[in-house]
Amino acid sequence: MAQEPDRGKRERAAEALERLRERFAGVDPDGWFFAGIAEQVADRRKELGLSQAELAELVTTTQSAIARLESGGRPPRIDTLLRIANALDCELLVELRPRTKTKTKPKKRGGK
């Protein structure tokens, strides 16, 4: 009987991930960036046996902020992502790649 609420949580989590996948369906592959992070955070948190509230405490944020991230809400700031990665004993990798292979240099700011 005590397992019923856990199954309900798993079903809600699966539904949230499916909504997230639907939300990003047909989006440019780069649009999957935060969706992929959201799924990785949820998977790693569960792997470590942490609740959203426990992770939030480790990250010094709120449970609702973790829930928003995991459900595909507004993407977190980079400093929050770094704290989440640390709390989950993970390395956060961010990669900058040129969109095109142009040889022109970007204009400098400040008019010079």
N, C-alpha and C. Protein backbone atom coordinates (compact mmCIF):
# COMPACT_ATOMS: atom_id res chain seq x y z
N MET A 1 0.80 -1.20 0.00
CA MET A 1 0.00 0.00 0.00
C MET A 1 0.85 1.26 0.00
N ALA A 2 1.97 1.23 0.70
CA ALA A 2 2.83 2.41 0.75
C ALA A 2 3.47 2.68 -0.60
N GLN A 3 3.48 1.67 -1.49
CA GLN A 3 4.09 1.85 -2.79
C GLN A 3 3.17 2.59 -3.76
N GLU A 4 1.90 2.66 -3.50
CA GLU A 4 0.96 3.34 -4.38
C GLU A 4 1.34 4.81 -4.62
N PRO A 5 1.64 5.58 -3.56
CA PRO A 5 2.03 6.98 -3.82
C PRO A 5 3.29 7.08 -4.67
N ASP A 6 4.26 6.17 -4.47
CA ASP A 6 5.48 6.19 -5.27
C ASP A 6 5.17 5.93 -6.73
N ARG A 7 4.27 4.99 -7.00
CA ARG A 7 3.90 4.70 -8.38
C ARG A 7 3.22 5.91 -8.99
N GLY A 8 2.40 6.59 -8.22
CA GLY A 8 1.75 7.80 -8.71
C GLY A 8 2.76 8.87 -9.05
N LYS A 9 3.79 9.01 -8.22
CA LYS A 9 4.85 9.98 -8.49
C LYS A 9 5.59 9.62 -9.77
N ARG A 10 5.89 8.33 -9.93
CA ARG A 10 6.59 7.89 -11.14
C ARG A 10 5.75 8.16 -12.39
N GLU A 11 4.46 7.89 -12.28
CA GLU A 11 3.57 8.12 -13.42
C GLU A 11 3.51 9.61 -13.75
N ARG A 12 3.42 10.46 -12.71
CA ARG A 12 3.39 11.91 -12.96
C ARG A 12 4.71 12.38 -13.56
N ALA A 13 5.82 11.83 -13.09
CA ALA A 13 7.12 12.20 -13.64
C ALA A 13 7.22 11.77 -15.11
N ALA A 14 6.75 10.57 -15.41
CA ALA A 14 6.77 10.09 -16.79
C ALA A 14 5.89 10.97 -17.68
N GLU A 15 4.74 11.36 -17.16
CA GLU A 15 3.85 12.24 -17.92
C GLU A 15 4.50 13.61 -18.15
N ALA A 16 5.19 14.12 -17.12
CA ALA A 16 5.87 15.41 -17.26
C ALA A 16 6.96 15.34 -18.32
N LEU A 17 7.72 14.24 -18.33
CA LEU A 17 8.76 14.08 -19.34
C LEU A 17 8.16 13.97 -20.73
N GLU A 18 7.02 13.28 -20.84
CA GLU A 18 6.37 13.17 -22.14
C GLU A 18 5.87 14.52 -22.62
N ARG A 19 5.32 15.33 -21.70
CA ARG A 19 4.90 16.69 -22.08
C ARG A 19 6.10 17.50 -22.54
N LEU A 20 7.22 17.31 -21.86
CA LEU A 20 8.44 18.01 -22.23
C LEU A 20 8.89 17.60 -23.63
N ARG A 21 8.86 16.32 -23.91
CA ARG A 21 9.25 15.85 -25.24
C ARG A 21 8.31 16.41 -26.31
N GLU A 22 7.00 16.41 -26.02
CA GLU A 22 6.03 16.96 -26.97
C GLU A 22 6.27 18.45 -27.19
N ARG A 23 6.59 19.16 -26.11
CA ARG A 23 6.81 20.59 -26.20
C ARG A 23 7.96 20.92 -27.14
N PHE A 24 8.99 20.09 -27.14
CA PHE A 24 10.17 20.35 -27.94
C PHE A 24 10.19 19.56 -29.25
N ALA A 25 9.13 18.82 -29.54
CA ALA A 25 9.08 18.05 -30.78
C ALA A 25 9.16 19.00 -31.97
N GLY A 26 9.99 18.67 -32.92
CA GLY A 26 10.12 19.49 -34.11
C GLY A 26 10.95 20.74 -33.92
N VAL A 27 11.51 20.91 -32.74
CA VAL A 27 12.35 22.07 -32.47
C VAL A 27 13.74 21.79 -33.00
N ASP A 28 14.43 22.83 -33.39
CA ASP A 28 15.81 22.72 -33.81
C ASP A 28 16.58 21.88 -32.79
N PRO A 29 17.51 21.02 -33.21
CA PRO A 29 18.23 20.17 -32.26
C PRO A 29 18.84 20.92 -31.09
N ASP A 30 19.26 22.16 -31.31
CA ASP A 30 19.81 22.93 -30.20
C ASP A 30 18.74 23.27 -29.17
N GLY A 31 17.48 23.25 -29.57
CA GLY A 31 16.39 23.50 -28.64
C GLY A 31 16.25 22.42 -27.59
N TRP A 32 16.87 21.28 -27.85
CA TRP A 32 16.83 20.18 -26.88
C TRP A 32 17.82 20.38 -25.74
N PHE A 33 18.63 21.42 -25.80
CA PHE A 33 19.67 21.65 -24.80
C PHE A 33 19.12 21.58 -23.38
N PHE A 34 18.13 22.43 -23.07
CA PHE A 34 17.61 22.46 -21.71
C PHE A 34 16.70 21.27 -21.42
N ALA A 35 16.03 20.76 -22.44
CA ALA A 35 15.22 19.57 -22.24
C ALA A 35 16.11 18.40 -21.83
N GLY A 36 17.25 18.29 -22.48
CA GLY A 36 18.19 17.22 -22.13
C GLY A 36 18.74 17.38 -20.73
N ILE A 37 19.05 18.61 -20.36
CA ILE A 37 19.55 18.86 -19.01
C ILE A 37 18.47 18.54 -17.98
N ALA A 38 17.24 18.93 -18.27
CA ALA A 38 16.13 18.67 -17.34
C ALA A 38 16.00 17.17 -17.08
N GLU A 39 16.07 16.39 -18.14
CA GLU A 39 15.95 14.94 -18.00
C GLU A 39 17.14 14.37 -17.24
N GLN A 40 18.34 14.86 -17.52
CA GLN A 40 19.54 14.38 -16.83
C GLN A 40 19.48 14.71 -15.34
N VAL A 41 19.02 15.90 -15.01
CA VAL A 41 18.91 16.29 -13.60
C VAL A 41 17.93 15.36 -12.88
N ALA A 42 16.77 15.14 -13.48
CA ALA A 42 15.77 14.27 -12.86
C ALA A 42 16.31 12.85 -12.69
N ASP A 43 16.95 12.33 -13.75
CA ASP A 43 17.48 10.96 -13.68
C ASP A 43 18.56 10.84 -12.61
N ARG A 44 19.48 11.78 -12.58
CA ARG A 44 20.59 11.72 -11.61
C ARG A 44 20.07 11.88 -10.18
N ARG A 45 19.12 12.80 -9.99
CA ARG A 45 18.54 13.01 -8.65
C ARG A 45 17.92 11.71 -8.15
N LYS A 46 17.16 11.04 -9.02
CA LYS A 46 16.52 9.78 -8.64
C LYS A 46 17.56 8.69 -8.39
N GLU A 47 18.59 8.66 -9.23
CA GLU A 47 19.68 7.69 -9.07
C GLU A 47 20.32 7.81 -7.69
N LEU A 48 20.46 9.04 -7.22
CA LEU A 48 21.06 9.29 -5.90
C LEU A 48 20.05 9.16 -4.76
N GLY A 49 18.80 8.91 -5.11
CA GLY A 49 17.77 8.74 -4.08
C GLY A 49 17.36 10.04 -3.41
N LEU A 50 17.48 11.14 -4.11
CA LEU A 50 17.13 12.44 -3.54
C LEU A 50 15.73 12.86 -3.99
N SER A 51 15.01 13.48 -3.10
CA SER A 51 13.74 14.09 -3.49
C SER A 51 14.05 15.46 -4.09
N GLN A 52 13.07 16.05 -4.72
CA GLN A 52 13.25 17.41 -5.24
C GLN A 52 13.55 18.37 -4.09
N ALA A 53 12.88 18.18 -2.96
CA ALA A 53 13.10 19.06 -1.81
C ALA A 53 14.52 18.91 -1.26
N GLU A 54 15.03 17.68 -1.23
CA GLU A 54 16.39 17.46 -0.74
C GLU A 54 17.42 18.09 -1.67
N LEU A 55 17.22 17.93 -2.98
CA LEU A 55 18.13 18.56 -3.94
C LEU A 55 18.06 20.08 -3.80
N ALA A 56 16.87 20.60 -3.67
CA ALA A 56 16.69 22.05 -3.52
C ALA A 56 17.46 22.57 -2.31
N GLU A 57 17.41 21.83 -1.21
CA GLU A 57 18.14 22.24 -0.01
C GLU A 57 19.65 22.26 -0.26
N LEU A 58 20.15 21.25 -0.95
CA LEU A 58 21.57 21.20 -1.26
C LEU A 58 22.01 22.35 -2.18
N VAL A 59 21.09 22.77 -3.03
CA VAL A 59 21.39 23.80 -4.03
C VAL A 59 21.06 25.20 -3.51
N THR A 60 20.44 25.27 -2.36
CA THR A 60 19.93 26.53 -1.78
C THR A 60 18.94 27.23 -2.71
N THR A 61 17.96 26.43 -3.15
CA THR A 61 16.85 26.96 -3.93
C THR A 61 15.58 26.31 -3.40
N THR A 62 14.50 26.44 -4.12
CA THR A 62 13.23 25.88 -3.66
C THR A 62 12.90 24.60 -4.41
N GLN A 63 12.06 23.79 -3.80
CA GLN A 63 11.59 22.56 -4.45
C GLN A 63 10.86 22.91 -5.73
N SER A 64 10.10 24.00 -5.72
CA SER A 64 9.35 24.36 -6.93
C SER A 64 10.29 24.75 -8.07
N ALA A 65 11.45 25.32 -7.76
CA ALA A 65 12.42 25.65 -8.81
C ALA A 65 12.97 24.37 -9.45
N ILE A 66 13.23 23.36 -8.63
CA ILE A 66 13.70 22.07 -9.15
C ILE A 66 12.60 21.43 -9.99
N ALA A 67 11.37 21.48 -9.51
CA ALA A 67 10.24 20.92 -10.25
C ALA A 67 10.07 21.62 -11.60
N ARG A 68 10.20 22.95 -11.62
CA ARG A 68 10.08 23.71 -12.87
C ARG A 68 11.17 23.29 -13.86
N LEU A 69 12.39 23.14 -13.36
CA LEU A 69 13.48 22.71 -14.22
C LEU A 69 13.19 21.33 -14.80
N GLU A 70 12.81 20.39 -13.94
CA GLU A 70 12.59 19.02 -14.38
C GLU A 70 11.39 18.89 -15.32
N SER A 71 10.44 19.78 -15.22
CA SER A 71 9.25 19.69 -16.07
C SER A 71 9.38 20.55 -17.33
N GLY A 72 10.52 21.18 -17.51
CA GLY A 72 10.74 21.95 -18.72
C GLY A 72 10.28 23.38 -18.65
N GLY A 73 10.16 23.89 -17.45
CA GLY A 73 9.80 25.30 -17.29
C GLY A 73 10.95 26.19 -17.69
N ARG A 74 10.94 27.39 -17.19
CA ARG A 74 11.98 28.36 -17.54
C ARG A 74 13.36 27.80 -17.21
N PRO A 75 14.31 27.89 -18.15
CA PRO A 75 15.66 27.37 -17.88
C PRO A 75 16.32 28.11 -16.72
N PRO A 76 17.08 27.40 -15.92
CA PRO A 76 17.75 28.04 -14.78
C PRO A 76 18.95 28.86 -15.24
N ARG A 77 19.39 29.74 -14.37
CA ARG A 77 20.61 30.51 -14.64
C ARG A 77 21.80 29.57 -14.57
N ILE A 78 22.89 29.97 -15.19
CA ILE A 78 24.09 29.12 -15.23
C ILE A 78 24.65 28.86 -13.84
N ASP A 79 24.59 29.86 -12.94
CA ASP A 79 25.11 29.63 -11.59
C ASP A 79 24.26 28.61 -10.85
N THR A 80 22.95 28.60 -11.12
CA THR A 80 22.08 27.59 -10.50
C THR A 80 22.40 26.22 -11.07
N LEU A 81 22.61 26.14 -12.37
CA LEU A 81 23.00 24.86 -12.98
C LEU A 81 24.31 24.33 -12.40
N LEU A 82 25.24 25.22 -12.15
CA LEU A 82 26.51 24.81 -11.54
C LEU A 82 26.29 24.24 -10.14
N ARG A 83 25.45 24.89 -9.36
CA ARG A 83 25.16 24.38 -8.01
C ARG A 83 24.43 23.03 -8.08
N ILE A 84 23.53 22.88 -9.04
CA ILE A 84 22.83 21.60 -9.21
C ILE A 84 23.83 20.52 -9.59
N ALA A 85 24.71 20.82 -10.54
CA ALA A 85 25.73 19.84 -10.95
C ALA A 85 26.59 19.43 -9.77
N ASN A 86 27.01 20.38 -8.97
CA ASN A 86 27.82 20.06 -7.78
C ASN A 86 27.05 19.19 -6.81
N ALA A 87 25.80 19.54 -6.56
CA ALA A 87 24.99 18.76 -5.62
C ALA A 87 24.76 17.34 -6.11
N LEU A 88 24.72 17.16 -7.42
CA LEU A 88 24.50 15.83 -8.01
C LEU A 88 25.82 15.12 -8.32
N ASP A 89 26.94 15.72 -7.87
CA ASP A 89 28.28 15.17 -8.10
C ASP A 89 28.51 14.93 -9.59
N CYS A 90 28.22 15.98 -10.38
CA CYS A 90 28.37 15.92 -11.83
C CYS A 90 29.20 17.11 -12.29
N GLU A 91 29.74 16.96 -13.48
CA GLU A 91 30.45 18.04 -14.13
C GLU A 91 29.50 18.68 -15.14
N LEU A 92 29.42 19.99 -15.13
CA LEU A 92 28.59 20.71 -16.09
C LEU A 92 29.46 21.15 -17.25
N LEU A 93 29.12 20.69 -18.44
CA LEU A 93 29.88 21.05 -19.63
C LEU A 93 29.02 21.95 -20.50
N VAL A 94 29.58 23.08 -20.89
CA VAL A 94 28.90 24.00 -21.79
C VAL A 94 29.82 24.20 -22.97
N GLU A 95 29.28 24.09 -24.16
CA GLU A 95 30.09 24.19 -25.36
C GLU A 95 29.57 25.30 -26.24
N LEU A 96 30.47 26.12 -26.73
CA LEU A 96 30.15 27.16 -27.70
C LEU A 96 30.66 26.71 -29.05
N ARG A 97 29.77 26.63 -30.02
CA ARG A 97 30.15 26.23 -31.36
C ARG A 97 29.69 27.29 -32.34
N PRO A 98 30.52 27.63 -33.31
CA PRO A 98 30.09 28.58 -34.34
C PRO A 98 28.88 28.02 -35.09
N ARG A 99 27.91 28.88 -35.39
CA ARG A 99 26.73 28.44 -36.14
C ARG A 99 27.05 28.27 -37.62
N THR A 100 27.94 29.10 -38.12
CA THR A 100 28.32 29.02 -39.52
C THR A 100 29.84 29.00 -39.62
N LYS A 101 30.32 28.71 -40.76
CA LYS A 101 31.76 28.64 -40.97
C LYS A 101 32.27 29.89 -41.68
N THR A 102 31.78 31.05 -41.29
CA THR A 102 32.22 32.29 -41.92
C THR A 102 33.58 32.68 -41.40
N LYS A 103 34.30 33.44 -42.22
CA LYS A 103 35.64 33.89 -41.83
C LYS A 103 35.64 35.33 -41.38
N THR A 104 34.46 35.95 -41.31
CA THR A 104 34.41 37.34 -40.87
C THR A 104 34.43 37.40 -39.37
N LYS A 105 35.08 38.44 -38.88
CA LYS A 105 35.17 38.64 -37.44
C LYS A 105 33.96 39.44 -36.97
N PRO A 106 33.44 39.13 -35.77
CA PRO A 106 32.33 39.93 -35.25
C PRO A 106 32.78 41.36 -34.98
N LYS A 107 31.85 42.31 -35.13
CA LYS A 107 32.17 43.71 -34.87
C LYS A 107 32.39 43.91 -33.40
N LYS A 108 33.36 44.76 -33.09
CA LYS A 108 33.65 45.09 -31.69
C LYS A 108 32.65 46.09 -31.19
N ARG A 109 32.35 45.99 -29.92
CA ARG A 109 31.46 46.96 -29.29
C ARG A 109 32.21 48.23 -28.98
N GLY A 110 31.49 49.31 -28.86
CA GLY A 110 32.12 50.56 -28.47
C GLY A 110 32.50 51.42 -29.67
N GLY A 111 32.12 50.99 -30.87
CA GLY A 111 32.34 51.81 -32.05
C GLY A 111 33.75 51.79 -32.61
N LYS A 112 34.66 51.01 -32.04
CA LYS A 112 36.05 50.98 -32.56
C LYS A 112 36.38 49.60 -33.08
